[in-house]
Amino acid sequence: MPGRTTIAAGAGLAALATLGLALYGSGLLPGNTDGAPGPCAGSDPALARVDAAAKGEVAAMQALKQARPAPEIRFKGPDGAETGLSDLKGRLLLVNLWATWCAPCKAEMPALDRLQAQLGGPDFQVVAINVDTRNLDKPPDWLKQAGIHDLAFYADPGGRVLPTIQRDTQSPGLPTTMLIDAKGCTLGVMKGPAAWSSPDGLALIRAALGRAS
């Protein structure tokens, strides 16, 4: 009968849709038929260590459920030339967005400076990116006045970085900080300021690096 035929056809389409979703979720659709791991699959051990170390003064660090490639953002380096996160790969990065009009940002800068002084080196760097788009001489002047001397000055006067990071992290405000491993994979996100040079902050970075506290 026509009615039964229509119902059967509808049921068949629903079953195919369900199968399609199941295949998509399992990675068995065309384009991922070999079941190859994603580019951040090797970051799982570090991700677990970060999740376990996010406590005390850095308890607000949100470890991702699964590491993912960090967004490719471009900004000005200390020499004024354009650079990006891909150019800084090869070491653990703590990427912090700050502005001179953001009081919590300025309050945590000394701690970030101390963190860089204590743990910065070939395998770790704090990358504090200023996102001021006006009065561009103000940020470097403020850093000098505040005695910040171990952080390299990175800036995005063009205003491209902030909206990209806001979309990626779902963090609408400042400061926002991302922990990115040496392969360029995001391990966690901090929304708001933190005592980065506290024992808890140092332990978090050492855990991400796989070092003993």
N, C-alpha and C. Protein backbone atom coordinates (compact mmCIF):
# COMPACT_ATOMS: atom_id res chain seq x y z
N MET A 1 0.85 -1.20 0.00
CA MET A 1 0.00 0.00 0.00
C MET A 1 0.88 1.24 0.00
N PRO A 2 0.44 2.38 -0.60
CA PRO A 2 1.28 3.58 -0.68
C PRO A 2 1.68 4.08 0.67
N GLY A 3 0.73 4.05 1.65
CA GLY A 3 1.07 4.57 2.97
C GLY A 3 2.19 3.78 3.62
N ARG A 4 2.10 2.45 3.52
CA ARG A 4 3.14 1.60 4.11
C ARG A 4 4.47 1.79 3.40
N THR A 5 4.41 1.98 2.07
CA THR A 5 5.65 2.19 1.30
C THR A 5 6.34 3.46 1.74
N THR A 6 5.54 4.53 1.96
CA THR A 6 6.12 5.81 2.41
C THR A 6 6.77 5.67 3.77
N ILE A 7 6.08 4.97 4.68
CA ILE A 7 6.64 4.78 6.03
C ILE A 7 7.93 3.98 5.97
N ALA A 8 7.93 2.92 5.14
CA ALA A 8 9.12 2.09 5.02
C ALA A 8 10.28 2.89 4.46
N ALA A 9 9.99 3.73 3.46
CA ALA A 9 11.05 4.54 2.87
C ALA A 9 11.61 5.51 3.88
N GLY A 10 10.68 6.11 4.67
CA GLY A 10 11.13 7.05 5.70
C GLY A 10 12.00 6.36 6.74
N ALA A 11 11.61 5.16 7.13
CA ALA A 11 12.39 4.40 8.11
C ALA A 11 13.77 4.07 7.56
N GLY A 12 13.78 3.75 6.24
CA GLY A 12 15.06 3.42 5.62
C GLY A 12 16.00 4.60 5.61
N LEU A 13 15.48 5.80 5.29
CA LEU A 13 16.29 7.02 5.28
C LEU A 13 16.80 7.34 6.68
N ALA A 14 15.95 7.16 7.68
CA ALA A 14 16.37 7.42 9.07
C ALA A 14 17.50 6.49 9.47
N ALA A 15 17.36 5.22 9.06
CA ALA A 15 18.40 4.25 9.40
C ALA A 15 19.72 4.62 8.74
N LEU A 16 19.64 5.06 7.47
CA LEU A 16 20.87 5.46 6.77
C LEU A 16 21.50 6.68 7.43
N ALA A 17 20.67 7.63 7.86
CA ALA A 17 21.20 8.82 8.53
C ALA A 17 21.89 8.44 9.82
N THR A 18 21.27 7.53 10.59
CA THR A 18 21.87 7.09 11.85
C THR A 18 23.19 6.39 11.59
N LEU A 19 23.21 5.53 10.55
CA LEU A 19 24.45 4.85 10.20
C LEU A 19 25.52 5.85 9.81
N GLY A 20 25.11 6.89 9.04
CA GLY A 20 26.09 7.90 8.63
C GLY A 20 26.69 8.61 9.82
N LEU A 21 25.84 8.96 10.79
CA LEU A 21 26.36 9.63 11.99
C LEU A 21 27.29 8.72 12.76
N ALA A 22 26.93 7.45 12.85
CA ALA A 22 27.78 6.50 13.57
C ALA A 22 29.13 6.36 12.89
N LEU A 23 29.11 6.29 11.56
CA LEU A 23 30.37 6.17 10.83
C LEU A 23 31.21 7.42 10.97
N TYR A 24 30.53 8.60 10.93
CA TYR A 24 31.27 9.87 11.06
C TYR A 24 31.94 9.94 12.42
N GLY A 25 31.19 9.56 13.46
CA GLY A 25 31.76 9.62 14.81
C GLY A 25 32.90 8.64 15.01
N SER A 26 32.89 7.53 14.26
CA SER A 26 33.94 6.53 14.44
C SER A 26 35.14 6.79 13.55
N GLY A 27 35.05 7.83 12.71
CA GLY A 27 36.17 8.15 11.83
C GLY A 27 36.27 7.23 10.64
N LEU A 28 35.14 6.55 10.31
CA LEU A 28 35.18 5.59 9.22
C LEU A 28 34.62 6.12 7.92
N LEU A 29 34.26 7.40 7.89
CA LEU A 29 33.81 7.98 6.63
C LEU A 29 35.00 8.23 5.71
N PRO A 30 34.77 8.36 4.40
CA PRO A 30 35.88 8.66 3.48
C PRO A 30 36.67 9.88 3.95
N GLY A 31 37.97 9.79 3.82
CA GLY A 31 38.84 10.88 4.28
C GLY A 31 39.51 10.53 5.59
N ASN A 32 38.98 9.52 6.29
CA ASN A 32 39.61 9.09 7.53
C ASN A 32 39.46 7.59 7.67
N THR A 33 39.60 6.90 6.53
CA THR A 33 39.35 5.47 6.51
C THR A 33 40.48 4.65 7.12
N ASP A 34 41.63 5.24 7.28
CA ASP A 34 42.74 4.45 7.82
C ASP A 34 42.80 4.49 9.34
N GLY A 35 41.89 5.27 9.98
CA GLY A 35 41.88 5.34 11.43
C GLY A 35 43.13 5.96 12.01
N ALA A 36 43.85 6.77 11.21
CA ALA A 36 45.10 7.37 11.67
C ALA A 36 44.84 8.35 12.81
N PRO A 37 45.71 8.40 13.82
CA PRO A 37 45.52 9.32 14.93
C PRO A 37 45.67 10.77 14.47
N GLY A 38 45.03 11.68 15.17
CA GLY A 38 45.11 13.08 14.84
C GLY A 38 46.48 13.65 15.17
N PRO A 39 46.74 14.90 14.77
CA PRO A 39 48.06 15.50 14.97
C PRO A 39 48.42 15.72 16.44
N CYS A 40 47.41 15.67 17.32
CA CYS A 40 47.68 15.91 18.74
C CYS A 40 47.52 14.66 19.60
N ALA A 41 47.43 13.49 18.97
CA ALA A 41 47.24 12.25 19.73
C ALA A 41 48.38 12.01 20.71
N GLY A 42 49.59 12.39 20.34
CA GLY A 42 50.74 12.17 21.21
C GLY A 42 50.79 13.10 22.41
N SER A 43 49.85 14.05 22.48
CA SER A 43 49.83 15.00 23.59
C SER A 43 49.05 14.49 24.79
N ASP A 44 48.43 13.32 24.68
CA ASP A 44 47.58 12.81 25.75
C ASP A 44 48.29 12.68 27.10
N PRO A 45 49.53 12.17 27.17
CA PRO A 45 50.18 12.07 28.48
C PRO A 45 50.37 13.43 29.16
N ALA A 46 50.79 14.43 28.37
CA ALA A 46 50.96 15.78 28.93
C ALA A 46 49.63 16.36 29.36
N LEU A 47 48.59 16.08 28.58
CA LEU A 47 47.25 16.56 28.90
C LEU A 47 46.80 16.01 30.25
N ALA A 48 47.05 14.74 30.48
CA ALA A 48 46.67 14.13 31.76
C ALA A 48 47.46 14.74 32.92
N ARG A 49 48.73 15.03 32.69
CA ARG A 49 49.54 15.64 33.76
C ARG A 49 49.07 17.04 34.09
N VAL A 50 48.70 17.80 33.06
CA VAL A 50 48.19 19.16 33.27
C VAL A 50 46.88 19.11 34.05
N ASP A 51 46.01 18.21 33.69
CA ASP A 51 44.73 18.08 34.38
C ASP A 51 44.95 17.77 35.86
N ALA A 52 45.90 16.89 36.16
CA ALA A 52 46.16 16.53 37.55
C ALA A 52 46.83 17.66 38.33
N ALA A 53 47.61 18.49 37.65
CA ALA A 53 48.36 19.56 38.33
C ALA A 53 47.58 20.87 38.44
N ALA A 54 46.43 20.95 37.81
CA ALA A 54 45.63 22.18 37.85
C ALA A 54 44.89 22.27 39.19
N LYS A 55 45.55 22.82 40.17
CA LYS A 55 44.96 22.91 41.50
C LYS A 55 45.55 24.10 42.24
N GLY A 56 44.94 24.42 43.38
CA GLY A 56 45.45 25.55 44.16
C GLY A 56 45.34 26.86 43.41
N GLU A 57 46.47 27.56 43.28
CA GLU A 57 46.49 28.88 42.64
C GLU A 57 46.21 28.82 41.14
N VAL A 58 46.32 27.64 40.56
CA VAL A 58 46.05 27.50 39.11
C VAL A 58 44.93 26.49 38.85
N ALA A 59 44.02 26.37 39.82
CA ALA A 59 42.93 25.41 39.68
C ALA A 59 41.99 25.77 38.53
N ALA A 60 41.99 27.04 38.13
CA ALA A 60 41.11 27.46 37.03
C ALA A 60 41.62 27.06 35.65
N MET A 61 42.82 26.48 35.58
CA MET A 61 43.30 25.98 34.29
C MET A 61 42.40 24.85 33.84
N GLN A 62 41.78 25.02 32.70
CA GLN A 62 40.86 24.03 32.16
C GLN A 62 41.59 23.15 31.14
N ALA A 63 41.95 21.95 31.57
CA ALA A 63 42.60 21.03 30.64
C ALA A 63 41.55 20.56 29.63
N LEU A 64 41.93 20.52 28.36
CA LEU A 64 41.01 20.09 27.34
C LEU A 64 40.73 18.59 27.47
N LYS A 65 39.57 18.17 27.03
CA LYS A 65 39.27 16.74 27.02
C LYS A 65 40.15 16.03 26.01
N GLN A 66 40.48 16.74 24.94
CA GLN A 66 41.38 16.20 23.93
C GLN A 66 42.20 17.37 23.37
N ALA A 67 43.50 17.20 23.33
CA ALA A 67 44.36 18.27 22.80
C ALA A 67 44.02 18.53 21.34
N ARG A 68 44.11 19.80 20.94
CA ARG A 68 43.81 20.16 19.56
C ARG A 68 44.84 21.17 19.05
N PRO A 69 45.04 21.25 17.74
CA PRO A 69 46.00 22.22 17.21
C PRO A 69 45.62 23.64 17.61
N ALA A 70 46.60 24.38 18.08
CA ALA A 70 46.36 25.78 18.44
C ALA A 70 46.09 26.58 17.17
N PRO A 71 45.30 27.64 17.28
CA PRO A 71 45.04 28.47 16.09
C PRO A 71 46.32 29.14 15.62
N GLU A 72 46.45 29.30 14.33
CA GLU A 72 47.64 29.97 13.79
C GLU A 72 47.40 31.47 13.81
N ILE A 73 47.95 32.12 14.79
CA ILE A 73 47.80 33.58 14.90
C ILE A 73 49.12 34.24 14.53
N ARG A 74 49.02 35.44 13.98
CA ARG A 74 50.19 36.22 13.58
C ARG A 74 50.23 37.51 14.38
N PHE A 75 51.42 37.91 14.80
CA PHE A 75 51.58 39.10 15.62
C PHE A 75 53.00 39.61 15.49
N LYS A 76 53.30 40.73 16.13
CA LYS A 76 54.63 41.33 16.05
C LYS A 76 55.56 40.74 17.11
N GLY A 77 56.77 40.40 16.69
CA GLY A 77 57.77 39.89 17.62
C GLY A 77 58.54 41.02 18.27
N PRO A 78 59.48 40.69 19.16
CA PRO A 78 60.27 41.72 19.85
C PRO A 78 61.01 42.65 18.91
N ASP A 79 61.35 42.16 17.72
CA ASP A 79 62.07 43.00 16.76
C ASP A 79 61.13 43.78 15.84
N GLY A 80 59.84 43.65 16.05
CA GLY A 80 58.86 44.35 15.23
C GLY A 80 58.43 43.59 13.99
N ALA A 81 59.12 42.49 13.68
CA ALA A 81 58.77 41.70 12.50
C ALA A 81 57.59 40.78 12.84
N GLU A 82 56.83 40.42 11.81
CA GLU A 82 55.69 39.54 12.04
C GLU A 82 56.16 38.13 12.34
N THR A 83 55.51 37.51 13.30
CA THR A 83 55.82 36.14 13.67
C THR A 83 54.50 35.45 14.01
N GLY A 84 54.57 34.21 14.45
CA GLY A 84 53.35 33.47 14.79
C GLY A 84 53.67 32.29 15.68
N LEU A 85 52.64 31.64 16.16
CA LEU A 85 52.85 30.50 17.05
C LEU A 85 53.63 29.39 16.36
N SER A 86 53.39 29.21 15.06
CA SER A 86 54.11 28.14 14.36
C SER A 86 55.61 28.41 14.33
N ASP A 87 56.01 29.68 14.39
CA ASP A 87 57.43 30.03 14.41
C ASP A 87 58.06 29.76 15.77
N LEU A 88 57.23 29.60 16.79
CA LEU A 88 57.73 29.38 18.15
C LEU A 88 57.62 27.93 18.58
N LYS A 89 57.22 27.07 17.67
CA LYS A 89 57.08 25.65 17.99
C LYS A 89 58.41 25.06 18.44
N GLY A 90 58.31 23.95 19.16
CA GLY A 90 59.52 23.27 19.61
C GLY A 90 59.74 23.40 21.10
N ARG A 91 58.89 24.17 21.76
CA ARG A 91 58.95 24.30 23.21
C ARG A 91 57.53 24.50 23.75
N LEU A 92 57.34 24.22 25.01
CA LEU A 92 56.07 24.48 25.66
C LEU A 92 55.86 25.99 25.74
N LEU A 93 54.67 26.46 25.37
CA LEU A 93 54.37 27.89 25.38
C LEU A 93 53.21 28.18 26.32
N LEU A 94 53.35 29.23 27.12
CA LEU A 94 52.24 29.77 27.89
C LEU A 94 51.90 31.09 27.22
N VAL A 95 50.86 31.07 26.39
CA VAL A 95 50.49 32.23 25.57
C VAL A 95 49.43 33.04 26.32
N ASN A 96 49.80 34.26 26.68
CA ASN A 96 48.93 35.11 27.48
C ASN A 96 48.55 36.37 26.70
N LEU A 97 47.26 36.68 26.66
CA LEU A 97 46.79 37.92 26.04
C LEU A 97 46.52 38.94 27.12
N TRP A 98 47.08 40.15 26.94
CA TRP A 98 46.91 41.19 27.95
C TRP A 98 46.78 42.56 27.30
N ALA A 99 46.31 43.52 28.06
CA ALA A 99 46.17 44.89 27.56
C ALA A 99 46.40 45.86 28.72
N THR A 100 46.82 47.06 28.41
CA THR A 100 47.07 48.05 29.46
C THR A 100 45.77 48.55 30.08
N TRP A 101 44.65 48.40 29.38
CA TRP A 101 43.35 48.81 29.93
C TRP A 101 42.70 47.71 30.77
N CYS A 102 43.40 46.58 30.93
CA CYS A 102 42.89 45.44 31.69
C CYS A 102 43.64 45.35 33.02
N ALA A 103 43.00 45.77 34.11
CA ALA A 103 43.66 45.78 35.42
C ALA A 103 44.11 44.39 35.88
N PRO A 104 43.28 43.33 35.74
CA PRO A 104 43.74 41.98 36.13
C PRO A 104 44.94 41.51 35.32
N CYS A 105 44.99 41.94 34.04
CA CYS A 105 46.14 41.58 33.19
C CYS A 105 47.43 42.15 33.78
N LYS A 106 47.39 43.43 34.09
CA LYS A 106 48.59 44.10 34.61
C LYS A 106 48.97 43.53 35.97
N ALA A 107 47.97 43.14 36.75
CA ALA A 107 48.26 42.59 38.08
C ALA A 107 49.02 41.26 38.00
N GLU A 108 48.78 40.47 36.96
CA GLU A 108 49.45 39.17 36.88
C GLU A 108 50.76 39.20 36.09
N MET A 109 51.07 40.33 35.44
CA MET A 109 52.29 40.39 34.64
C MET A 109 53.56 40.14 35.44
N PRO A 110 53.72 40.68 36.66
CA PRO A 110 54.94 40.37 37.42
C PRO A 110 55.12 38.87 37.66
N ALA A 111 54.01 38.16 37.91
CA ALA A 111 54.09 36.71 38.13
C ALA A 111 54.51 35.99 36.86
N LEU A 112 53.99 36.43 35.72
CA LEU A 112 54.42 35.83 34.45
C LEU A 112 55.89 36.11 34.19
N ASP A 113 56.32 37.30 34.56
CA ASP A 113 57.73 37.67 34.39
C ASP A 113 58.62 36.77 35.25
N ARG A 114 58.21 36.54 36.49
CA ARG A 114 58.98 35.66 37.39
C ARG A 114 58.98 34.22 36.88
N LEU A 115 57.83 33.78 36.33
CA LEU A 115 57.75 32.42 35.78
C LEU A 115 58.75 32.26 34.64
N GLN A 116 58.80 33.25 33.75
CA GLN A 116 59.76 33.19 32.65
C GLN A 116 61.19 33.17 33.18
N ALA A 117 61.46 33.98 34.20
CA ALA A 117 62.81 34.03 34.76
C ALA A 117 63.21 32.70 35.39
N GLN A 118 62.26 32.01 36.00
CA GLN A 118 62.58 30.76 36.71
C GLN A 118 62.61 29.54 35.80
N LEU A 119 61.68 29.46 34.85
CA LEU A 119 61.58 28.24 34.04
C LEU A 119 61.82 28.45 32.55
N GLY A 120 61.90 29.70 32.12
CA GLY A 120 62.10 29.95 30.69
C GLY A 120 63.42 29.41 30.19
N GLY A 121 63.42 28.90 28.97
CA GLY A 121 64.63 28.32 28.39
C GLY A 121 64.32 27.61 27.10
N PRO A 122 65.16 26.66 26.71
CA PRO A 122 64.98 25.98 25.42
C PRO A 122 63.68 25.21 25.29
N ASP A 123 63.11 24.78 26.46
CA ASP A 123 61.90 23.96 26.37
C ASP A 123 60.64 24.65 26.89
N PHE A 124 60.75 25.90 27.32
CA PHE A 124 59.56 26.61 27.80
C PHE A 124 59.72 28.12 27.63
N GLN A 125 58.60 28.78 27.24
CA GLN A 125 58.61 30.23 27.11
C GLN A 125 57.22 30.79 27.40
N VAL A 126 57.20 31.90 28.13
CA VAL A 126 55.97 32.68 28.29
C VAL A 126 55.89 33.64 27.10
N VAL A 127 54.78 33.59 26.38
CA VAL A 127 54.57 34.48 25.24
C VAL A 127 53.40 35.39 25.58
N ALA A 128 53.70 36.56 26.13
CA ALA A 128 52.67 37.52 26.52
C ALA A 128 52.44 38.48 25.35
N ILE A 129 51.25 38.42 24.77
CA ILE A 129 50.93 39.21 23.58
C ILE A 129 50.03 40.38 23.98
N ASN A 130 50.53 41.59 23.80
CA ASN A 130 49.72 42.77 24.09
C ASN A 130 48.73 43.00 22.96
N VAL A 131 47.46 43.29 23.32
CA VAL A 131 46.43 43.45 22.30
C VAL A 131 45.90 44.89 22.22
N ASP A 132 46.65 45.84 22.78
CA ASP A 132 46.27 47.24 22.61
C ASP A 132 46.32 47.61 21.13
N THR A 133 45.35 48.40 20.68
CA THR A 133 45.33 48.86 19.29
C THR A 133 45.47 50.38 19.18
N ARG A 134 45.57 51.08 20.32
CA ARG A 134 45.75 52.53 20.33
C ARG A 134 46.88 52.87 21.30
N ASN A 135 47.44 54.07 21.13
CA ASN A 135 48.54 54.52 22.01
C ASN A 135 49.60 53.42 22.12
N LEU A 136 50.17 53.05 21.00
CA LEU A 136 51.02 51.86 20.92
C LEU A 136 52.34 52.00 21.66
N ASP A 137 52.70 53.21 22.09
CA ASP A 137 53.90 53.37 22.89
C ASP A 137 53.63 53.09 24.37
N LYS A 138 52.36 53.00 24.73
CA LYS A 138 51.99 52.82 26.13
C LYS A 138 52.36 51.44 26.69
N PRO A 139 52.09 50.32 25.98
CA PRO A 139 52.41 49.00 26.53
C PRO A 139 53.89 48.81 26.87
N PRO A 140 54.84 49.08 25.94
CA PRO A 140 56.25 48.89 26.31
C PRO A 140 56.69 49.82 27.42
N ASP A 141 56.15 51.04 27.44
CA ASP A 141 56.49 51.97 28.52
C ASP A 141 55.99 51.44 29.86
N TRP A 142 54.78 50.89 29.86
CA TRP A 142 54.23 50.35 31.11
C TRP A 142 55.07 49.18 31.62
N LEU A 143 55.51 48.32 30.71
CA LEU A 143 56.34 47.18 31.11
C LEU A 143 57.62 47.64 31.80
N LYS A 144 58.24 48.67 31.26
CA LYS A 144 59.46 49.20 31.86
C LYS A 144 59.17 49.77 33.24
N GLN A 145 58.10 50.54 33.36
CA GLN A 145 57.74 51.15 34.64
C GLN A 145 57.40 50.10 35.69
N ALA A 146 56.83 48.98 35.23
CA ALA A 146 56.43 47.91 36.16
C ALA A 146 57.59 46.97 36.48
N GLY A 147 58.75 47.19 35.88
CA GLY A 147 59.90 46.34 36.16
C GLY A 147 59.83 44.97 35.51
N ILE A 148 59.07 44.87 34.42
CA ILE A 148 58.96 43.60 33.69
C ILE A 148 60.11 43.53 32.69
N HIS A 149 61.07 42.65 32.92
CA HIS A 149 62.25 42.64 32.06
C HIS A 149 62.62 41.27 31.50
N ASP A 150 61.95 40.20 31.97
CA ASP A 150 62.27 38.87 31.44
C ASP A 150 61.32 38.43 30.33
N LEU A 151 60.20 39.12 30.19
CA LEU A 151 59.25 38.78 29.13
C LEU A 151 59.60 39.53 27.84
N ALA A 152 59.67 38.81 26.74
CA ALA A 152 59.85 39.46 25.45
C ALA A 152 58.55 40.17 25.10
N PHE A 153 58.65 41.29 24.38
CA PHE A 153 57.45 42.06 24.05
C PHE A 153 56.87 41.62 22.71
N TYR A 154 55.69 41.01 22.79
CA TYR A 154 54.93 40.62 21.61
C TYR A 154 53.66 41.48 21.57
N ALA A 155 53.22 41.86 20.40
CA ALA A 155 52.06 42.75 20.30
C ALA A 155 51.26 42.49 19.03
N ASP A 156 49.99 42.82 19.11
CA ASP A 156 49.09 42.69 17.96
C ASP A 156 48.33 44.00 17.78
N PRO A 157 49.00 45.04 17.28
CA PRO A 157 48.33 46.33 17.10
C PRO A 157 47.22 46.30 16.07
N GLY A 158 47.21 45.30 15.22
CA GLY A 158 46.17 45.20 14.19
C GLY A 158 44.87 44.60 14.69
N GLY A 159 44.85 44.08 15.91
CA GLY A 159 43.62 43.56 16.48
C GLY A 159 43.14 42.24 15.90
N ARG A 160 44.05 41.42 15.38
CA ARG A 160 43.65 40.15 14.78
C ARG A 160 43.63 38.99 15.77
N VAL A 161 44.50 39.05 16.76
CA VAL A 161 44.69 37.91 17.66
C VAL A 161 43.52 37.70 18.61
N LEU A 162 43.07 38.78 19.24
CA LEU A 162 42.04 38.66 20.29
C LEU A 162 40.78 37.96 19.81
N PRO A 163 40.16 38.37 18.70
CA PRO A 163 38.94 37.66 18.28
C PRO A 163 39.18 36.20 17.91
N THR A 164 40.35 35.91 17.36
CA THR A 164 40.66 34.52 17.01
C THR A 164 40.76 33.65 18.26
N ILE A 165 41.46 34.15 19.27
CA ILE A 165 41.61 33.38 20.51
C ILE A 165 40.28 33.30 21.25
N GLN A 166 39.49 34.36 21.21
CA GLN A 166 38.18 34.32 21.86
C GLN A 166 37.30 33.25 21.26
N ARG A 167 37.33 33.14 19.94
CA ARG A 167 36.53 32.09 19.28
C ARG A 167 37.06 30.71 19.64
N ASP A 168 38.37 30.55 19.65
CA ASP A 168 38.96 29.24 19.89
C ASP A 168 38.76 28.76 21.32
N THR A 169 38.87 29.68 22.28
CA THR A 169 38.82 29.31 23.70
C THR A 169 37.46 29.54 24.35
N GLN A 170 36.56 30.23 23.65
CA GLN A 170 35.27 30.61 24.23
C GLN A 170 35.47 31.45 25.48
N SER A 171 36.52 32.25 25.48
CA SER A 171 36.82 33.15 26.59
C SER A 171 36.58 34.58 26.12
N PRO A 172 35.54 35.26 26.62
CA PRO A 172 35.20 36.58 26.11
C PRO A 172 36.05 37.72 26.68
N GLY A 173 36.75 37.47 27.78
CA GLY A 173 37.47 38.56 28.44
C GLY A 173 38.98 38.39 28.46
N LEU A 174 39.62 39.26 29.22
CA LEU A 174 41.06 39.23 29.42
C LEU A 174 41.35 39.25 30.93
N PRO A 175 42.47 38.66 31.33
CA PRO A 175 43.43 37.94 30.49
C PRO A 175 42.93 36.54 30.13
N THR A 176 43.41 36.05 29.01
CA THR A 176 43.18 34.67 28.60
C THR A 176 44.54 34.06 28.32
N THR A 177 44.75 32.84 28.82
CA THR A 177 46.05 32.19 28.68
C THR A 177 45.88 30.77 28.17
N MET A 178 46.70 30.41 27.18
CA MET A 178 46.66 29.07 26.61
C MET A 178 47.98 28.35 26.88
N LEU A 179 47.90 27.09 27.24
CA LEU A 179 49.09 26.26 27.41
C LEU A 179 49.21 25.38 26.17
N ILE A 180 50.29 25.57 25.41
CA ILE A 180 50.46 24.91 24.12
C ILE A 180 51.75 24.11 24.13
N ASP A 181 51.68 22.85 23.76
CA ASP A 181 52.87 22.00 23.83
C ASP A 181 53.81 22.25 22.65
N ALA A 182 54.92 21.54 22.66
CA ALA A 182 55.98 21.79 21.68
C ALA A 182 55.57 21.46 20.26
N LYS A 183 54.52 20.66 20.09
CA LYS A 183 54.03 20.31 18.75
C LYS A 183 52.97 21.28 18.26
N GLY A 184 52.63 22.27 19.10
CA GLY A 184 51.63 23.25 18.69
C GLY A 184 50.21 22.86 19.04
N CYS A 185 50.05 21.97 20.03
CA CYS A 185 48.73 21.51 20.44
C CYS A 185 48.31 22.15 21.76
N THR A 186 47.10 22.66 21.82
CA THR A 186 46.60 23.29 23.03
C THR A 186 46.26 22.23 24.06
N LEU A 187 46.82 22.39 25.27
CA LEU A 187 46.56 21.46 26.37
C LEU A 187 45.50 22.00 27.33
N GLY A 188 45.50 23.32 27.53
CA GLY A 188 44.56 23.89 28.48
C GLY A 188 44.39 25.38 28.29
N VAL A 189 43.35 25.91 28.92
CA VAL A 189 43.02 27.33 28.82
C VAL A 189 42.71 27.88 30.21
N MET A 190 43.28 29.05 30.52
CA MET A 190 42.99 29.76 31.76
C MET A 190 42.21 31.02 31.39
N LYS A 191 41.02 31.16 31.94
CA LYS A 191 40.20 32.34 31.72
C LYS A 191 40.28 33.20 32.97
N GLY A 192 41.06 34.26 32.90
CA GLY A 192 41.26 35.10 34.06
C GLY A 192 42.69 35.01 34.55
N PRO A 193 43.05 35.84 35.55
CA PRO A 193 44.43 35.88 36.05
C PRO A 193 44.76 34.71 36.97
N ALA A 194 46.05 34.51 37.17
CA ALA A 194 46.50 33.44 38.07
C ALA A 194 47.86 33.82 38.66
N ALA A 195 48.20 33.20 39.76
CA ALA A 195 49.50 33.40 40.40
C ALA A 195 50.49 32.44 39.75
N TRP A 196 50.98 32.82 38.58
CA TRP A 196 51.78 31.91 37.77
C TRP A 196 53.11 31.55 38.38
N SER A 197 53.68 32.39 39.21
CA SER A 197 54.98 32.07 39.79
C SER A 197 54.86 31.43 41.17
N SER A 198 53.63 31.10 41.59
CA SER A 198 53.42 30.42 42.86
C SER A 198 53.91 28.98 42.75
N PRO A 199 54.08 28.29 43.87
CA PRO A 199 54.47 26.87 43.79
C PRO A 199 53.51 26.06 42.92
N ASP A 200 52.21 26.37 42.99
CA ASP A 200 51.25 25.65 42.15
C ASP A 200 51.46 25.95 40.67
N GLY A 201 51.74 27.22 40.36
CA GLY A 201 51.99 27.59 38.97
C GLY A 201 53.23 26.93 38.41
N LEU A 202 54.29 26.93 39.20
CA LEU A 202 55.53 26.29 38.77
C LEU A 202 55.33 24.79 38.60
N ALA A 203 54.57 24.18 39.51
CA ALA A 203 54.32 22.74 39.42
C ALA A 203 53.52 22.39 38.18
N LEU A 204 52.60 23.27 37.80
CA LEU A 204 51.80 23.03 36.60
C LEU A 204 52.68 23.01 35.35
N ILE A 205 53.56 23.98 35.24
CA ILE A 205 54.44 24.03 34.07
C ILE A 205 55.40 22.85 34.07
N ARG A 206 55.94 22.52 35.22
CA ARG A 206 56.85 21.36 35.29
C ARG A 206 56.11 20.07 34.92
N ALA A 207 54.85 19.96 35.34
CA ALA A 207 54.06 18.77 34.98
C ALA A 207 53.85 18.70 33.48
N ALA A 208 53.55 19.83 32.86
CA ALA A 208 53.36 19.85 31.41
C ALA A 208 54.63 19.45 30.68
N LEU A 209 55.77 19.82 31.27
CA LEU A 209 57.07 19.48 30.68
C LEU A 209 57.50 18.04 30.98
N GLY A 210 56.79 17.40 31.92
CA GLY A 210 57.16 16.05 32.31
C GLY A 210 58.30 16.01 33.30
N ARG A 211 58.51 17.14 33.99
CA ARG A 211 59.55 17.20 35.01
C ARG A 211 58.98 16.89 36.39
N ALA A 212 59.82 16.42 37.28
CA ALA A 212 59.40 16.21 38.66
C ALA A 212 59.29 17.57 39.33
N SER A 213 58.34 17.71 40.22
CA SER A 213 58.13 18.99 40.92
C SER A 213 59.31 19.31 41.82
